């Protein structure tokens, strides 16, 4: 029973962290993808 409560607590913390940091890093992932495309000669430019 204690393990189930501990697992539920950890799952809640992980979900909250992903929800919080996911919104703030979304733009960073987009910029990284754009930079990689430009570096491999996809013909585009980053804004």
C-alpha atoms as a PDB file:
ATOM      1  CA  UNK A   1       0.000   0.000   0.000  1.00  0.00           C
ATOM      2  CA  UNK A   2       2.799   2.420   0.845  1.00  0.00           C
ATOM      3  CA  UNK A   3       4.521   1.755  -2.461  1.00  0.00           C
ATOM      4  CA  UNK A   4       1.355   2.673  -4.358  1.00  0.00           C
ATOM      5  CA  UNK A   5       1.136   5.994  -2.529  1.00  0.00           C
ATOM      6  CA  UNK A   6       4.801   6.711  -3.160  1.00  0.00           C
ATOM      7  CA  UNK A   7       4.423   5.852  -6.845  1.00  0.00           C
ATOM      8  CA  UNK A   8       1.369   8.117  -7.125  1.00  0.00           C
ATOM      9  CA  UNK A   9       3.267  10.974  -5.483  1.00  0.00           C
ATOM     10  CA  UNK A  10       6.255  10.573  -7.805  1.00  0.00           C
ATOM     11  CA  UNK A  11       3.975  10.380 -10.860  1.00  0.00           C
ATOM     12  CA  UNK A  12       2.221  13.583  -9.796  1.00  0.00           C
ATOM     13  CA  UNK A  13       5.512  15.414  -9.328  1.00  0.00           C
ATOM     14  CA  UNK A  14       6.851  14.257 -12.699  1.00  0.00           C
ATOM     15  CA  UNK A  15       3.619  15.215 -14.476  1.00  0.00           C
ATOM     16  CA  UNK A  16       3.647  18.650 -12.857  1.00  0.00           C
ATOM     17  CA  UNK A  17       7.287  19.240 -13.783  1.00  0.00           C
ATOM     18  CA  UNK A  18       6.723  18.248 -17.410  1.00  0.00           C
ATOM     19  CA  UNK A  19       3.648  20.469 -17.624  1.00  0.00           C
ATOM     20  CA  UNK A  20       5.513  23.420 -16.090  1.00  0.00           C
ATOM     21  CA  UNK A  21       8.774  23.153 -18.018  1.00  0.00           C
ATOM     22  CA  UNK A  22       7.128  21.984 -21.234  1.00  0.00           C
ATOM     23  CA  UNK A  23       5.467  25.353 -21.800  1.00  0.00           C
ATOM     24  CA  UNK A  24       8.631  27.350 -21.184  1.00  0.00           C
ATOM     25  CA  UNK A  25      10.955  25.279 -23.377  1.00  0.00           C
ATOM     26  CA  UNK A  26       8.705  24.891 -26.420  1.00  0.00           C
ATOM     27  CA  UNK A  27      10.285  27.820 -28.227  1.00  0.00           C
ATOM     28  CA  UNK A  28      13.778  26.573 -27.514  1.00  0.00           C
ATOM     29  CA  UNK A  29      13.086  23.238 -29.183  1.00  0.00           C
ATOM     30  CA  UNK A  30      11.735  25.021 -32.240  1.00  0.00           C
ATOM     31  CA  UNK A  31      14.837  27.193 -32.491  1.00  0.00           C
ATOM     32  CA  UNK A  32      17.069  24.137 -32.163  1.00  0.00           C
ATOM     33  CA  UNK A  33      15.221  22.338 -34.947  1.00  0.00           C
ATOM     34  CA  UNK A  34      15.533  25.374 -37.203  1.00  0.00           C
ATOM     35  CA  UNK A  35      19.248  25.693 -36.501  1.00  0.00           C
ATOM     36  CA  UNK A  36      19.815  22.038 -37.340  1.00  0.00           C
ATOM     37  CA  UNK A  37      17.942  22.396 -40.642  1.00  0.00           C
ATOM     38  CA  UNK A  38      20.038  25.426 -41.612  1.00  0.00           C
ATOM     39  CA  UNK A  39      23.270  23.701 -40.610  1.00  0.00           C
ATOM     40  CA  UNK A  40      22.494  20.745 -42.884  1.00  0.00           C
ATOM     41  CA  UNK A  41      21.775  23.011 -45.846  1.00  0.00           C
ATOM     42  CA  UNK A  42      17.981  22.806 -45.972  1.00  0.00           C
ATOM     43  CA  UNK A  43      17.950  26.239 -47.598  1.00  0.00           C
ATOM     44  CA  UNK A  44      16.007  28.024 -44.866  1.00  0.00           C
ATOM     45  CA  UNK A  45      16.825  30.724 -42.388  1.00  0.00           C
ATOM     46  CA  UNK A  46      15.942  31.026 -38.710  1.00  0.00           C
ATOM     47  CA  UNK A  47      14.004  33.976 -37.316  1.00  0.00           C
END
